[in-house]
Amino acid sequence: MDRMFRVLAFWTGIFTIMFYVGDMQKTALIFLVQTAFFLTLSYLKLSERMYMYLFGAYLTVFLVGFTWYTEFILVPGFGH
């Protein structure tokens, strides 16, 4: 399971680079923090159950944060 967190760190790192190249510094910083989080967790050698609990907590925090952002911050039609 620790290897899957390294895979997540790899992909969030790729997204970090792409967002930075696309001149989206705030988003790149968010993904850089996620990369560090996943990489740190991958080397802790936790039990598989604990990795699943942490991943579930991560998904819960993401869902709440994304819902809050889309409900209260996102301006509809901002691209036009």
Protein backbone atom coordinates (compact mmCIF):
# COMPACT_ATOMS: atom_id res chain seq x y z
CA MET A 1 0.00 0.00 0.00
CA ASP A 2 2.91 2.34 0.61
CA ARG A 3 3.82 2.03 -3.05
CA MET A 4 0.40 3.29 -4.09
CA PHE A 5 0.99 6.44 -2.06
CA ARG A 6 4.28 6.87 -3.95
CA VAL A 7 2.31 6.51 -7.19
CA LEU A 8 -0.10 9.20 -5.98
CA ALA A 9 2.89 11.39 -5.09
CA PHE A 10 4.32 10.85 -8.57
CA TRP A 11 1.11 11.87 -10.32
CA THR A 12 0.46 14.87 -8.11
CA GLY A 13 4.08 15.86 -8.80
CA ILE A 14 3.42 15.64 -12.55
CA PHE A 15 0.33 17.81 -12.09
CA THR A 16 2.41 20.26 -10.05
CA ILE A 17 4.86 20.66 -12.91
CA MET A 18 2.12 21.03 -15.51
CA PHE A 19 0.24 23.63 -13.47
CA TYR A 20 3.45 25.56 -12.86
CA VAL A 21 4.32 25.54 -16.57
CA GLY A 22 0.74 26.65 -17.31
CA ASP A 23 1.25 29.70 -15.08
CA MET A 24 -1.15 28.50 -12.37
CA GLN A 25 1.02 29.03 -9.29
CA LYS A 26 -1.69 28.65 -6.62
CA THR A 27 -2.87 25.34 -8.03
CA ALA A 28 0.72 24.16 -8.42
CA LEU A 29 1.35 24.97 -4.76
CA ILE A 30 -1.71 22.98 -3.68
CA PHE A 31 -0.52 19.97 -5.67
CA LEU A 32 3.02 20.37 -4.34
CA VAL A 33 1.66 20.13 -0.79
CA GLN A 34 -0.30 17.03 -1.76
CA THR A 35 2.83 15.52 -3.29
CA ALA A 36 4.79 16.09 -0.08
CA PHE A 37 1.90 14.66 1.96
CA PHE A 38 1.69 11.47 -0.09
CA LEU A 39 5.45 11.02 -0.24
CA THR A 40 5.78 11.47 3.52
CA LEU A 41 3.00 8.98 4.21
CA SER A 42 4.50 6.42 1.84
CA TYR A 43 7.67 6.13 3.93
CA LEU A 44 5.97 5.75 7.33
CA LYS A 45 5.47 1.96 6.92
CA LEU A 46 1.96 2.01 8.36
CA SER A 47 -0.44 -0.91 8.30
CA GLU A 48 -2.67 -1.35 5.27
CA ARG A 49 -5.73 -0.52 7.35
CA MET A 50 -4.18 2.77 8.47
CA TYR A 51 -3.31 3.67 4.86
CA MET A 52 -6.94 3.05 3.92
CA TYR A 53 -8.18 5.21 6.79
CA LEU A 54 -5.83 8.03 5.78
CA PHE A 55 -6.90 7.80 2.15
CA GLY A 56 -10.56 7.87 3.17
CA ALA A 57 -9.90 10.94 5.32
CA TYR A 58 -8.06 12.58 2.41
CA LEU A 59 -11.00 11.96 0.09
CA THR A 60 -13.45 13.32 2.67
CA VAL A 61 -11.44 16.51 3.14
CA PHE A 62 -11.16 16.91 -0.64
CA LEU A 63 -14.91 16.44 -1.15
CA VAL A 64 -15.82 18.95 1.56
CA GLY A 65 -13.24 21.47 0.30
CA PHE A 66 -14.26 21.11 -3.33
CA THR A 67 -17.96 21.42 -2.49
CA TRP A 68 -17.29 24.53 -0.38
CA TYR A 69 -15.19 26.06 -3.17
CA THR A 70 -17.77 25.42 -5.89
CA GLU A 71 -20.62 26.65 -3.71
CA PHE A 72 -19.15 29.82 -2.20
CA ILE A 73 -16.12 30.92 -4.25
CA LEU A 74 -16.44 29.79 -7.87
CA VAL A 75 -18.01 32.40 -10.12
CA PRO A 76 -20.17 30.77 -12.83
CA GLY A 77 -19.13 31.69 -16.35
CA PHE A 78 -15.70 33.01 -15.35
CA GLY A 79 -14.15 31.81 -18.60
CA HIS A 80 -16.17 34.10 -20.89
